[in-house]
Amino acid sequence: MPFVELSALTNFTFLTGASHPEEYIVRATELDMPALAVADVNSVAGIVRAHTRARELGRDADNGGGPRIRLIPAARVVLADGFQLTCLPRDRAAWGRLCRMLSQGQLRAPKGECHLHLSDLLTWGEGMELLVLPRHQRLTLAEAGPAPMGDAARWRGHVRSLADRFPGQVSLCLAPCYDGQDHARFRRLATLAERIGIPTVASGLPFLHHGARRRLADTLTAIRLGVPVDRLGRRALPNNEGRLRSEAEMLRIFRGHEAAVHRAGEVATRAAFSLDELRYDYPSENAPGETASQRLARLAEAGLGWRYPEGAPEKARAQMAHELALIGKLRYEPYFLTVHDIVA
């Protein structure tokens, strides 16, 4: 299964991600990636731009001019205690639950913040691929806040609670820190995942679409922390490794854990929800025991009888049938029922 990046952080994680969602989409096609998940911190704000760019590329592909890529809508959920995971909805219902959970967390917090807890995940997490991040994981490779989760026992408890509540949905993310300790860290995490009974999945957790954005990322960190760039010290990026990676690069980085790289593609296949599934749903105007189509057809028949008390001509009846069929195809029955209720 081809590798798919499941947790790309964009500039919609304010003053942290250094690349636009659209840039990730284009870069992913250059790396021959079939899909890409955009996952910002407690937000889905950047997904629409990524989706729009992916659709543009899709239209170009239909006209014989370029590659096609699928956007996977996601969010990198960070709980109040520092626990992190990426949530990838499998279907429209799960997308709705993810959005409601994020809205709930934002309503209970000051503007610009989102306060979520494990109980929220246990309530709203059905139908999502839950990619749990290691407890030491930061948003970028820089030693800058927010601090990672420090309590190992609490972190393990959260993972076990999610795995018990959502069997088959939880995976443990293996992500490189590029500090010379990655292979030992991968072995420890793989052993832990086996003990808990969940699979491992590889991710680069990129916050740059290209390594050339490293200086911009440091500038954003300096603005966020309120210090000059030349005084960032260890809070600056140590390198430009936090970029979007190709499958070949990921297989090299995860040598000995190649199955985790391929599982990313399997997770992407299950996370099949697309923003194309969304459409405006008019409020229901159904009567008890009667669908909107049945009610509209009944009212139209009554109106036809009122207009032609001696019997409707065949031409008028055919026109009404045609219009009802068109309204049904567009699912506009509730609109006409609302108008009827207002003017009747």
C-alpha atoms as a PDB file:
ATOM      1  CA  MET A   1       0.000   0.000   0.000  1.00  0.00           C
ATOM      2  CA  PRO A   2       1.544   3.383  -0.991  1.00  0.00           C
ATOM      3  CA  PHE A   3       2.580   5.659   1.850  1.00  0.00           C
ATOM      4  CA  VAL A   4       0.216   8.509   2.750  1.00  0.00           C
ATOM      5  CA  GLU A   5       1.082  11.293   5.191  1.00  0.00           C
ATOM      6  CA  LEU A   6      -1.663  11.284   7.817  1.00  0.00           C
ATOM      7  CA  SER A   7      -0.886  14.393   9.873  1.00  0.00           C
ATOM      8  CA  ALA A   8       0.387  17.469   8.036  1.00  0.00           C
ATOM      9  CA  LEU A   9       0.412  20.641  10.155  1.00  0.00           C
ATOM     10  CA  THR A  10      -0.255  23.855   8.203  1.00  0.00           C
ATOM     11  CA  ASN A  11      -0.107  27.581   8.909  1.00  0.00           C
ATOM     12  CA  PHE A  12      -3.679  27.316  10.193  1.00  0.00           C
ATOM     13  CA  THR A  13      -1.984  26.194  13.396  1.00  0.00           C
ATOM     14  CA  PHE A  14      -1.185  29.838  14.018  1.00  0.00           C
ATOM     15  CA  LEU A  15       2.493  30.846  14.210  1.00  0.00           C
ATOM     16  CA  THR A  16       3.569  27.188  14.153  1.00  0.00           C
ATOM     17  CA  GLY A  17       3.031  25.571  10.762  1.00  0.00           C
ATOM     18  CA  ALA A  18       5.093  27.299   8.063  1.00  0.00           C
ATOM     19  CA  SER A  19       3.274  26.158   4.910  1.00  0.00           C
ATOM     20  CA  HIS A  20      -0.125  26.788   3.362  1.00  0.00           C
ATOM     21  CA  PRO A  21      -2.528  23.849   2.945  1.00  0.00           C
ATOM     22  CA  GLU A  22      -2.466  24.362  -0.817  1.00  0.00           C
ATOM     23  CA  GLU A  23       1.329  24.057  -0.834  1.00  0.00           C
ATOM     24  CA  TYR A  24       1.133  20.698   0.914  1.00  0.00           C
ATOM     25  CA  ILE A  25      -1.304  19.423  -1.713  1.00  0.00           C
ATOM     26  CA  VAL A  26       0.939  20.444  -4.593  1.00  0.00           C
ATOM     27  CA  ARG A  27       4.066  19.094  -2.894  1.00  0.00           C
ATOM     28  CA  ALA A  28       2.347  15.780  -2.152  1.00  0.00           C
ATOM     29  CA  THR A  29       1.575  15.336  -5.852  1.00  0.00           C
ATOM     30  CA  GLU A  30       5.228  16.046  -6.662  1.00  0.00           C
ATOM     31  CA  LEU A  31       6.128  13.213  -4.266  1.00  0.00           C
ATOM     32  CA  ASP A  32       3.627  10.867  -6.008  1.00  0.00           C
ATOM     33  CA  MET A  33       1.463  10.627  -2.903  1.00  0.00           C
ATOM     34  CA  PRO A  34      -2.091   9.399  -3.651  1.00  0.00           C
ATOM     35  CA  ALA A  35      -3.626  11.207  -0.677  1.00  0.00           C
ATOM     36  CA  LEU A  36      -2.735  13.589   2.141  1.00  0.00           C
ATOM     37  CA  ALA A  37      -4.292  14.343   5.512  1.00  0.00           C
ATOM     38  CA  VAL A  38      -4.245  17.968   6.677  1.00  0.00           C
ATOM     39  CA  ALA A  39      -4.464  18.011  10.474  1.00  0.00           C
ATOM     40  CA  ASP A  40      -4.184  21.273  12.381  1.00  0.00           C
ATOM     41  CA  VAL A  41      -4.338  21.652  16.151  1.00  0.00           C
ATOM     42  CA  ASN A  42      -7.936  21.477  17.385  1.00  0.00           C
ATOM     43  CA  SER A  43      -9.141  22.943  14.105  1.00  0.00           C
ATOM     44  CA  VAL A  44     -10.320  22.030  10.618  1.00  0.00           C
ATOM     45  CA  ALA A  45      -9.998  25.599   9.331  1.00  0.00           C
ATOM     46  CA  GLY A  46      -7.343  24.865   6.703  1.00  0.00           C
ATOM     47  CA  ILE A  47      -9.097  21.910   5.134  1.00  0.00           C
ATOM     48  CA  VAL A  48     -11.288  23.899   2.741  1.00  0.00           C
ATOM     49  CA  ARG A  49      -8.285  25.496   1.013  1.00  0.00           C
ATOM     50  CA  ALA A  50      -6.575  22.126   0.689  1.00  0.00           C
ATOM     51  CA  HIS A  51      -9.775  20.588  -0.659  1.00  0.00           C
ATOM     52  CA  THR A  52     -10.200  23.376  -3.205  1.00  0.00           C
ATOM     53  CA  ARG A  53      -6.644  22.903  -4.478  1.00  0.00           C
ATOM     54  CA  ALA A  54      -7.065  19.130  -4.658  1.00  0.00           C
ATOM     55  CA  ARG A  55     -10.251  19.590  -6.710  1.00  0.00           C
ATOM     56  CA  GLU A  56      -8.456  21.970  -9.076  1.00  0.00           C
ATOM     57  CA  LEU A  57      -5.749  19.382  -9.618  1.00  0.00           C
ATOM     58  CA  GLY A  58      -8.445  16.765 -10.150  1.00  0.00           C
ATOM     59  CA  ARG A  59     -10.050  18.860 -12.900  1.00  0.00           C
ATOM     60  CA  ASP A  60      -6.646  19.274 -14.526  1.00  0.00           C
ATOM     61  CA  ALA A  61      -6.166  15.502 -14.367  1.00  0.00           C
ATOM     62  CA  ASP A  62      -9.552  14.961 -16.015  1.00  0.00           C
ATOM     63  CA  ASN A  63      -8.360  17.147 -18.867  1.00  0.00           C
ATOM     64  CA  GLY A  64      -5.184  15.106 -19.200  1.00  0.00           C
ATOM     65  CA  GLY A  65      -2.927  17.577 -17.432  1.00  0.00           C
ATOM     66  CA  GLY A  66      -1.380  16.322 -14.228  1.00  0.00           C
ATOM     67  CA  PRO A  67      -1.681  14.078 -11.174  1.00  0.00           C
ATOM     68  CA  ARG A  68      -4.690  13.560  -8.946  1.00  0.00           C
ATOM     69  CA  ILE A  69      -4.662  13.590  -5.142  1.00  0.00           C
ATOM     70  CA  ARG A  70      -7.286  12.948  -2.456  1.00  0.00           C
ATOM     71  CA  LEU A  71      -7.536  15.189   0.586  1.00  0.00           C
ATOM     72  CA  ILE A  72      -8.210  13.412   3.888  1.00  0.00           C
ATOM     73  CA  PRO A  73      -9.876  15.838   6.331  1.00  0.00           C
ATOM     74  CA  ALA A  74      -8.409  15.473   9.832  1.00  0.00           C
ATOM     75  CA  ALA A  75      -7.548  17.323  13.026  1.00  0.00           C
ATOM     76  CA  ARG A  76      -4.638  17.040  15.438  1.00  0.00           C
ATOM     77  CA  VAL A  77      -6.455  17.001  18.755  1.00  0.00           C
ATOM     78  CA  VAL A  78      -4.483  18.228  21.764  1.00  0.00           C
ATOM     79  CA  LEU A  79      -6.163  17.664  25.125  1.00  0.00           C
ATOM     80  CA  ALA A  80      -5.846  19.992  28.087  1.00  0.00           C
ATOM     81  CA  ASP A  81      -3.387  17.588  29.744  1.00  0.00           C
ATOM     82  CA  GLY A  82      -1.115  17.500  26.667  1.00  0.00           C
ATOM     83  CA  PHE A  83      -2.256  14.166  25.208  1.00  0.00           C
ATOM     84  CA  GLN A  84      -2.182  14.308  21.387  1.00  0.00           C
ATOM     85  CA  LEU A  85      -3.723  12.304  18.598  1.00  0.00           C
ATOM     86  CA  THR A  86      -4.790  12.825  15.008  1.00  0.00           C
ATOM     87  CA  CYS A  87      -8.465  12.116  14.258  1.00  0.00           C
ATOM     88  CA  LEU A  88      -9.359  11.042  10.708  1.00  0.00           C
ATOM     89  CA  PRO A  89     -13.107  10.539  10.054  1.00  0.00           C
ATOM     90  CA  ARG A  90     -14.110   7.448   8.131  1.00  0.00           C
ATOM     91  CA  ASP A  91     -17.489   8.823   7.011  1.00  0.00           C
ATOM     92  CA  ARG A  92     -19.747  11.850   7.130  1.00  0.00           C
ATOM     93  CA  ALA A  93     -21.249  10.937  10.507  1.00  0.00           C
ATOM     94  CA  ALA A  94     -17.771  10.765  12.053  1.00  0.00           C
ATOM     95  CA  TRP A  95     -16.890  14.114  10.460  1.00  0.00           C
ATOM     96  CA  GLY A  96     -19.945  15.601  12.150  1.00  0.00           C
ATOM     97  CA  ARG A  97     -18.873  14.179  15.505  1.00  0.00           C
ATOM     98  CA  LEU A  98     -15.354  15.572  15.083  1.00  0.00           C
ATOM     99  CA  CYS A  99     -16.706  19.048  14.293  1.00  0.00           C
ATOM    100  CA  ARG A 100     -19.107  18.960  17.247  1.00  0.00           C
ATOM    101  CA  MET A 101     -16.309  17.880  19.586  1.00  0.00           C
ATOM    102  CA  LEU A 102     -14.055  20.728  18.448  1.00  0.00           C
ATOM    103  CA  SER A 103     -16.929  23.209  18.743  1.00  0.00           C
ATOM    104  CA  GLN A 104     -17.659  22.026  22.254  1.00  0.00           C
ATOM    105  CA  GLY A 105     -14.015  22.463  23.254  1.00  0.00           C
ATOM    106  CA  GLN A 106     -13.903  25.967  21.802  1.00  0.00           C
ATOM    107  CA  LEU A 107     -17.140  27.037  23.495  1.00  0.00           C
ATOM    108  CA  ARG A 108     -15.793  26.144  26.925  1.00  0.00           C
ATOM    109  CA  ALA A 109     -12.499  28.020  26.399  1.00  0.00           C
ATOM    110  CA  PRO A 110     -11.398  31.656  25.860  1.00  0.00           C
ATOM    111  CA  LYS A 111     -11.313  32.830  22.251  1.00  0.00           C
ATOM    112  CA  GLY A 112      -8.486  31.215  20.307  1.00  0.00           C
ATOM    113  CA  GLU A 113      -8.265  28.201  22.637  1.00  0.00           C
ATOM    114  CA  CYS A 114      -9.892  24.779  22.784  1.00  0.00           C
ATOM    115  CA  HIS A 115     -10.285  22.829  26.020  1.00  0.00           C
ATOM    116  CA  LEU A 116     -10.816  19.117  25.397  1.00  0.00           C
ATOM    117  CA  HIS A 117     -10.539  16.121  27.693  1.00  0.00           C
ATOM    118  CA  LEU A 118     -10.343  12.354  27.370  1.00  0.00           C
ATOM    119  CA  SER A 119     -14.072  12.154  28.111  1.00  0.00           C
ATOM    120  CA  ASP A 120     -14.745  14.192  24.964  1.00  0.00           C
ATOM    121  CA  LEU A 121     -12.802  11.707  22.830  1.00  0.00           C
ATOM    122  CA  LEU A 122     -14.619   8.773  24.412  1.00  0.00           C
ATOM    123  CA  THR A 123     -17.959  10.482  23.691  1.00  0.00           C
ATOM    124  CA  TRP A 124     -17.347  11.648  20.130  1.00  0.00           C
ATOM    125  CA  GLY A 125     -14.640   9.334  18.728  1.00  0.00           C
ATOM    126  CA  GLU A 126     -16.813   6.692  17.077  1.00  0.00           C
ATOM    127  CA  GLY A 127     -16.084   6.150  13.393  1.00  0.00           C
ATOM    128  CA  MET A 128     -12.670   7.858  13.362  1.00  0.00           C
ATOM    129  CA  GLU A 129      -9.179   6.572  12.782  1.00  0.00           C
ATOM    130  CA  LEU A 130      -7.382   7.614  15.991  1.00  0.00           C
ATOM    131  CA  LEU A 131      -3.633   8.015  15.486  1.00  0.00           C
ATOM    132  CA  VAL A 132      -2.139   8.433  18.971  1.00  0.00           C
ATOM    133  CA  LEU A 133       1.068  10.468  19.106  1.00  0.00           C
ATOM    134  CA  PRO A 134       3.936   9.575  21.469  1.00  0.00           C
ATOM    135  CA  ARG A 135       3.814  11.484  24.737  1.00  0.00           C
ATOM    136  CA  HIS A 136       7.135  13.248  24.062  1.00  0.00           C
ATOM    137  CA  GLN A 137       5.938  14.633  20.720  1.00  0.00           C
ATOM    138  CA  ARG A 138       6.025  18.398  20.172  1.00  0.00           C
ATOM    139  CA  LEU A 139       4.252  20.332  17.437  1.00  0.00           C
ATOM    140  CA  THR A 140       7.588  20.932  15.680  1.00  0.00           C
ATOM    141  CA  LEU A 141      11.176  19.778  16.166  1.00  0.00           C
ATOM    142  CA  ALA A 142      12.018  22.969  18.108  1.00  0.00           C
ATOM    143  CA  GLU A 143      12.156  22.915  21.905  1.00  0.00           C
ATOM    144  CA  ALA A 144       9.338  25.433  22.115  1.00  0.00           C
ATOM    145  CA  GLY A 145       5.953  25.186  23.803  1.00  0.00           C
ATOM    146  CA  PRO A 146       3.458  23.824  24.266  1.00  0.00           C
ATOM    147  CA  ALA A 147       5.229  21.224  26.381  1.00  0.00           C
ATOM    148  CA  PRO A 148       4.567  17.538  25.637  1.00  0.00           C
ATOM    149  CA  MET A 149       2.684  15.296  28.057  1.00  0.00           C
ATOM    150  CA  GLY A 150       5.007  14.331  30.886  1.00  0.00           C
ATOM    151  CA  ASP A 151       3.051  11.703  32.823  1.00  0.00           C
ATOM    152  CA  ALA A 152       3.849   8.337  31.205  1.00  0.00           C
ATOM    153  CA  ALA A 153       1.322   6.385  33.270  1.00  0.00           C
ATOM    154  CA  ARG A 154      -1.458   8.823  32.447  1.00  0.00           C
ATOM    155  CA  TRP A 155      -0.551   8.676  28.750  1.00  0.00           C
ATOM    156  CA  ARG A 156      -0.692   4.865  28.736  1.00  0.00           C
ATOM    157  CA  GLY A 157      -4.025   5.005  30.559  1.00  0.00           C
ATOM    158  CA  HIS A 158      -5.458   7.285  27.888  1.00  0.00           C
ATOM    159  CA  VAL A 159      -4.287   4.967  25.100  1.00  0.00           C
ATOM    160  CA  ARG A 160      -5.772   1.898  26.778  1.00  0.00           C
ATOM    161  CA  SER A 161      -9.074   3.695  27.395  1.00  0.00           C
ATOM    162  CA  LEU A 162      -9.341   4.638  23.728  1.00  0.00           C
ATOM    163  CA  ALA A 163      -8.325   1.167  22.540  1.00  0.00           C
ATOM    164  CA  ASP A 164     -10.941  -0.450  24.790  1.00  0.00           C
ATOM    165  CA  ARG A 165     -13.660   2.008  23.776  1.00  0.00           C
ATOM    166  CA  PHE A 166     -12.901   1.957  20.034  1.00  0.00           C
ATOM    167  CA  PRO A 167     -11.472  -1.433  19.016  1.00  0.00           C
ATOM    168  CA  GLY A 168      -9.977  -1.392  15.524  1.00  0.00           C
ATOM    169  CA  GLN A 169      -9.821   2.411  15.369  1.00  0.00           C
ATOM    170  CA  VAL A 170      -6.679   3.189  17.409  1.00  0.00           C
ATOM    171  CA  SER A 171      -3.075   3.126  16.148  1.00  0.00           C
ATOM    172  CA  LEU A 172       0.170   4.312  17.686  1.00  0.00           C
ATOM    173  CA  CYS A 173       2.111   6.826  15.605  1.00  0.00           C
ATOM    174  CA  LEU A 174       5.816   6.324  15.023  1.00  0.00           C
ATOM    175  CA  ALA A 175       7.318   9.715  14.176  1.00  0.00           C
ATOM    176  CA  PRO A 176      11.014  10.638  13.870  1.00  0.00           C
ATOM    177  CA  CYS A 177      12.674  13.299  16.003  1.00  0.00           C
ATOM    178  CA  TYR A 178      15.959  13.174  14.013  1.00  0.00           C
ATOM    179  CA  ASP A 179      18.029  13.185  17.210  1.00  0.00           C
ATOM    180  CA  GLY A 180      19.967   9.959  16.652  1.00  0.00           C
ATOM    181  CA  GLN A 181      17.641   8.004  18.953  1.00  0.00           C
ATOM    182  CA  ASP A 182      14.812   7.307  16.550  1.00  0.00           C
ATOM    183  CA  HIS A 183      15.420   3.590  15.973  1.00  0.00           C
ATOM    184  CA  ALA A 184      15.615   2.830  19.687  1.00  0.00           C
ATOM    185  CA  ARG A 185      12.503   4.945  20.213  1.00  0.00           C
ATOM    186  CA  PHE A 186      10.653   3.114  17.442  1.00  0.00           C
ATOM    187  CA  ARG A 187      11.499  -0.238  19.033  1.00  0.00           C
ATOM    188  CA  ARG A 188      10.182   0.884  22.429  1.00  0.00           C
ATOM    189  CA  LEU A 189       6.971   2.247  20.930  1.00  0.00           C
ATOM    190  CA  ALA A 190       6.419  -0.877  18.816  1.00  0.00           C
ATOM    191  CA  THR A 191       6.810  -3.035  21.928  1.00  0.00           C
ATOM    192  CA  LEU A 192       4.361  -0.845  23.828  1.00  0.00           C
ATOM    193  CA  ALA A 193       1.837  -0.967  20.980  1.00  0.00           C
ATOM    194  CA  GLU A 194       2.060  -4.759  20.880  1.00  0.00           C
ATOM    195  CA  ARG A 195       1.500  -4.916  24.616  1.00  0.00           C
ATOM    196  CA  ILE A 196      -1.607  -2.707  24.358  1.00  0.00           C
ATOM    197  CA  GLY A 197      -2.833  -4.562  21.282  1.00  0.00           C
ATOM    198  CA  ILE A 198      -2.807  -1.789  18.682  1.00  0.00           C
ATOM    199  CA  PRO A 199      -0.843  -1.424  15.415  1.00  0.00           C
ATOM    200  CA  THR A 200       1.878   1.117  14.691  1.00  0.00           C
ATOM    201  CA  VAL A 201       1.591   3.610  11.835  1.00  0.00           C
ATOM    202  CA  ALA A 202       4.392   5.809  10.506  1.00  0.00           C
ATOM    203  CA  SER A 203       4.095   9.555  10.014  1.00  0.00           C
ATOM    204  CA  GLY A 204       6.620  12.306   9.426  1.00  0.00           C
ATOM    205  CA  LEU A 205       4.347  14.802  11.250  1.00  0.00           C
ATOM    206  CA  PRO A 206       5.486  17.529   8.839  1.00  0.00           C
ATOM    207  CA  PHE A 207       5.068  21.202   9.625  1.00  0.00           C
ATOM    208  CA  LEU A 208       6.911  22.295   6.447  1.00  0.00           C
ATOM    209  CA  HIS A 209       5.853  21.370   2.916  1.00  0.00           C
ATOM    210  CA  HIS A 210       9.481  21.897   1.859  1.00  0.00           C
ATOM    211  CA  GLY A 211      12.743  22.243   3.785  1.00  0.00           C
ATOM    212  CA  ALA A 212      13.243  25.753   2.395  1.00  0.00           C
ATOM    213  CA  ARG A 213      10.619  26.997   4.882  1.00  0.00           C
ATOM    214  CA  ARG A 214      12.877  26.431   7.905  1.00  0.00           C
ATOM    215  CA  ARG A 215      13.793  30.119   8.316  1.00  0.00           C
ATOM    216  CA  LEU A 216      10.166  31.168   8.104  1.00  0.00           C
ATOM    217  CA  ALA A 217       9.298  28.586  10.756  1.00  0.00           C
ATOM    218  CA  ASP A 218      11.926  30.082  13.099  1.00  0.00           C
ATOM    219  CA  THR A 219      10.535  33.548  12.441  1.00  0.00           C
ATOM    220  CA  LEU A 220       7.053  32.353  13.366  1.00  0.00           C
ATOM    221  CA  THR A 221       8.400  30.792  16.567  1.00  0.00           C
ATOM    222  CA  ALA A 222      10.116  34.065  17.483  1.00  0.00           C
ATOM    223  CA  ILE A 223       6.894  36.007  16.960  1.00  0.00           C
ATOM    224  CA  ARG A 224       4.922  33.487  19.001  1.00  0.00           C
ATOM    225  CA  LEU A 225       7.400  33.622  21.890  1.00  0.00           C
ATOM    226  CA  GLY A 226       8.028  37.364  21.631  1.00  0.00           C
ATOM    227  CA  VAL A 227      11.814  37.139  21.277  1.00  0.00           C
ATOM    228  CA  PRO A 228      14.276  38.096  18.499  1.00  0.00           C
ATOM    229  CA  VAL A 229      15.143  35.302  16.102  1.00  0.00           C
ATOM    230  CA  ASP A 230      18.822  35.419  17.082  1.00  0.00           C
ATOM    231  CA  ARG A 231      17.870  34.702  20.702  1.00  0.00           C
ATOM    232  CA  LEU A 232      15.793  31.606  20.057  1.00  0.00           C
ATOM    233  CA  GLY A 233      18.670  29.248  20.909  1.00  0.00           C
ATOM    234  CA  ARG A 234      17.348  25.687  21.280  1.00  0.00           C
ATOM    235  CA  ARG A 235      13.866  26.974  20.612  1.00  0.00           C
ATOM    236  CA  ALA A 236      14.866  27.354  16.948  1.00  0.00           C
ATOM    237  CA  LEU A 237      14.636  24.401  14.589  1.00  0.00           C
ATOM    238  CA  PRO A 238      17.786  22.248  14.711  1.00  0.00           C
ATOM    239  CA  ASN A 239      17.402  21.345  11.014  1.00  0.00           C
ATOM    240  CA  ASN A 240      14.878  21.301   8.186  1.00  0.00           C
ATOM    241  CA  GLU A 241      13.925  17.644   8.607  1.00  0.00           C
ATOM    242  CA  GLY A 242      10.314  18.363   9.565  1.00  0.00           C
ATOM    243  CA  ARG A 243       9.217  18.452   5.941  1.00  0.00           C
ATOM    244  CA  LEU A 244       6.778  16.375   3.927  1.00  0.00           C
ATOM    245  CA  ARG A 245       8.456  13.072   2.998  1.00  0.00           C
ATOM    246  CA  SER A 246       8.171  10.708   0.064  1.00  0.00           C
ATOM    247  CA  GLU A 247       7.564   6.981   0.475  1.00  0.00           C
ATOM    248  CA  ALA A 248      11.214   6.208  -0.343  1.00  0.00           C
ATOM    249  CA  GLU A 249      12.408   8.602   2.366  1.00  0.00           C
ATOM    250  CA  MET A 250       9.993   7.176   4.914  1.00  0.00           C
ATOM    251  CA  LEU A 251      11.108   3.599   4.198  1.00  0.00           C
ATOM    252  CA  ARG A 252      14.706   4.674   4.745  1.00  0.00           C
ATOM    253  CA  ILE A 253      13.916   6.477   8.002  1.00  0.00           C
ATOM    254  CA  PHE A 254      11.788   3.585   9.270  1.00  0.00           C
ATOM    255  CA  ARG A 255      14.157   0.784   8.274  1.00  0.00           C
ATOM    256  CA  GLY A 256      13.070  -2.293  10.217  1.00  0.00           C
ATOM    257  CA  HIS A 257       9.541  -0.860  10.626  1.00  0.00           C
ATOM    258  CA  GLU A 258       8.502  -0.804   6.969  1.00  0.00           C
ATOM    259  CA  ALA A 259       5.112  -2.330   7.824  1.00  0.00           C
ATOM    260  CA  ALA A 260       4.252   0.815   9.791  1.00  0.00           C
ATOM    261  CA  VAL A 261       4.929   2.887   6.661  1.00  0.00           C
ATOM    262  CA  HIS A 262       2.615   0.726   4.563  1.00  0.00           C
ATOM    263  CA  ARG A 263      -0.095   0.775   7.249  1.00  0.00           C
ATOM    264  CA  ALA A 264      -0.384   4.533   6.728  1.00  0.00           C
ATOM    265  CA  GLY A 265      -1.850   3.775   3.306  1.00  0.00           C
ATOM    266  CA  GLU A 266      -4.281   1.291   4.855  1.00  0.00           C
ATOM    267  CA  VAL A 267      -5.476   3.901   7.367  1.00  0.00           C
ATOM    268  CA  ALA A 268      -5.890   6.400   4.518  1.00  0.00           C
ATOM    269  CA  THR A 269      -8.086   3.903   2.661  1.00  0.00           C
ATOM    270  CA  ARG A 270     -10.374   3.514   5.670  1.00  0.00           C
ATOM    271  CA  ALA A 271     -10.529   7.291   6.217  1.00  0.00           C
ATOM    272  CA  ALA A 272     -12.677   7.622   3.113  1.00  0.00           C
ATOM    273  CA  PHE A 273     -14.696  10.728   4.016  1.00  0.00           C
ATOM    274  CA  SER A 274     -14.550  13.597   1.516  1.00  0.00           C
ATOM    275  CA  LEU A 275     -15.793  17.160   1.783  1.00  0.00           C
ATOM    276  CA  ASP A 276     -17.564  16.488  -1.509  1.00  0.00           C
ATOM    277  CA  GLU A 277     -20.128  14.542   0.532  1.00  0.00           C
ATOM    278  CA  LEU A 278     -21.254  17.711   2.301  1.00  0.00           C
ATOM    279  CA  ARG A 279     -24.257  19.667   1.069  1.00  0.00           C
ATOM    280  CA  TYR A 280     -26.804  21.979   2.598  1.00  0.00           C
ATOM    281  CA  ASP A 281     -29.630  20.062   4.262  1.00  0.00           C
ATOM    282  CA  TYR A 282     -32.848  22.069   4.422  1.00  0.00           C
ATOM    283  CA  PRO A 283     -34.804  21.725   7.695  1.00  0.00           C
ATOM    284  CA  SER A 284     -37.282  18.868   7.593  1.00  0.00           C
ATOM    285  CA  GLU A 285     -40.847  19.779   6.612  1.00  0.00           C
ATOM    286  CA  ASN A 286     -42.238  16.259   6.825  1.00  0.00           C
ATOM    287  CA  ALA A 287     -45.708  15.602   8.201  1.00  0.00           C
ATOM    288  CA  PRO A 288     -46.219  12.621  10.539  1.00  0.00           C
ATOM    289  CA  GLY A 289     -46.284   9.404   8.525  1.00  0.00           C
ATOM    290  CA  GLU A 290     -45.554  11.209   5.271  1.00  0.00           C
ATOM    291  CA  THR A 291     -42.287  12.025   3.510  1.00  0.00           C
ATOM    292  CA  ALA A 292     -41.571  15.455   2.055  1.00  0.00           C
ATOM    293  CA  SER A 293     -42.020  14.070  -1.476  1.00  0.00           C
ATOM    294  CA  GLN A 294     -45.368  12.505  -0.617  1.00  0.00           C
ATOM    295  CA  ARG A 295     -46.637  15.680   1.054  1.00  0.00           C
ATOM    296  CA  LEU A 296     -45.592  17.896  -1.855  1.00  0.00           C
ATOM    297  CA  ALA A 297     -47.199  15.526  -4.363  1.00  0.00           C
ATOM    298  CA  ARG A 298     -50.430  15.515  -2.318  1.00  0.00           C
ATOM    299  CA  LEU A 299     -50.531  19.300  -2.088  1.00  0.00           C
ATOM    300  CA  ALA A 300     -49.719  19.651  -5.792  1.00  0.00           C
ATOM    301  CA  GLU A 301     -52.548  17.281  -6.670  1.00  0.00           C
ATOM    302  CA  ALA A 302     -54.923  19.270  -4.465  1.00  0.00           C
ATOM    303  CA  GLY A 303     -53.801  22.503  -6.124  1.00  0.00           C
ATOM    304  CA  LEU A 304     -54.302  21.004  -9.551  1.00  0.00           C
ATOM    305  CA  GLY A 305     -57.866  20.041  -8.597  1.00  0.00           C
ATOM    306  CA  TRP A 306     -58.529  23.551  -7.329  1.00  0.00           C
ATOM    307  CA  ARG A 307     -57.183  25.105 -10.537  1.00  0.00           C
ATOM    308  CA  TYR A 308     -59.125  22.745 -12.805  1.00  0.00           C
ATOM    309  CA  PRO A 309     -62.344  21.804 -10.967  1.00  0.00           C
ATOM    310  CA  GLU A 310     -63.695  20.051 -14.061  1.00  0.00           C
ATOM    311  CA  GLY A 311     -60.537  17.981 -14.500  1.00  0.00           C
ATOM    312  CA  ALA A 312     -56.971  18.923 -15.349  1.00  0.00           C
ATOM    313  CA  PRO A 313     -55.880  18.670 -18.973  1.00  0.00           C
ATOM    314  CA  GLU A 314     -53.244  16.071 -19.752  1.00  0.00           C
ATOM    315  CA  LYS A 315     -50.688  18.762 -20.630  1.00  0.00           C
ATOM    316  CA  ALA A 316     -50.971  20.380 -17.164  1.00  0.00           C
ATOM    317  CA  ARG A 317     -50.752  17.014 -15.420  1.00  0.00           C
ATOM    318  CA  ALA A 318     -47.662  16.056 -17.419  1.00  0.00           C
ATOM    319  CA  GLN A 319     -46.041  19.412 -16.590  1.00  0.00           C
ATOM    320  CA  MET A 320     -46.726  18.897 -12.875  1.00  0.00           C
ATOM    321  CA  ALA A 321     -45.234  15.402 -12.991  1.00  0.00           C
ATOM    322  CA  HIS A 322     -42.133  16.741 -14.742  1.00  0.00           C
ATOM    323  CA  GLU A 323     -41.660  19.525 -12.181  1.00  0.00           C
ATOM    324  CA  LEU A 324     -42.179  17.164  -9.225  1.00  0.00           C
ATOM    325  CA  ALA A 325     -39.578  14.799 -10.671  1.00  0.00           C
ATOM    326  CA  LEU A 326     -37.080  17.645 -11.089  1.00  0.00           C
ATOM    327  CA  ILE A 327     -37.723  18.916  -7.557  1.00  0.00           C
ATOM    328  CA  GLY A 328     -37.242  15.394  -6.227  1.00  0.00           C
ATOM    329  CA  LYS A 329     -33.973  14.980  -8.123  1.00  0.00           C
ATOM    330  CA  LEU A 330     -32.629  18.204  -6.575  1.00  0.00           C
ATOM    331  CA  ARG A 331     -34.155  17.379  -3.164  1.00  0.00           C
ATOM    332  CA  TYR A 332     -35.864  20.755  -3.016  1.00  0.00           C
ATOM    333  CA  GLU A 333     -39.182  19.496  -1.617  1.00  0.00           C
ATOM    334  CA  PRO A 334     -38.649  21.056   1.853  1.00  0.00           C
ATOM    335  CA  TYR A 335     -38.141  24.507   0.299  1.00  0.00           C
ATOM    336  CA  PHE A 336     -41.474  24.408  -1.557  1.00  0.00           C
ATOM    337  CA  LEU A 337     -43.233  23.045   1.537  1.00  0.00           C
ATOM    338  CA  THR A 338     -41.858  25.946   3.597  1.00  0.00           C
ATOM    339  CA  VAL A 339     -43.132  28.444   1.019  1.00  0.00           C
ATOM    340  CA  HIS A 340     -46.522  26.728   1.072  1.00  0.00           C
ATOM    341  CA  ASP A 341     -46.728  26.889   4.857  1.00  0.00           C
ATOM    342  CA  ILE A 342     -45.874  30.608   4.808  1.00  0.00           C
ATOM    343  CA  VAL A 343     -48.311  31.726   2.106  1.00  0.00           C
ATOM    344  CA  ALA A 344     -51.108  29.202   2.573  1.00  0.00           C
END
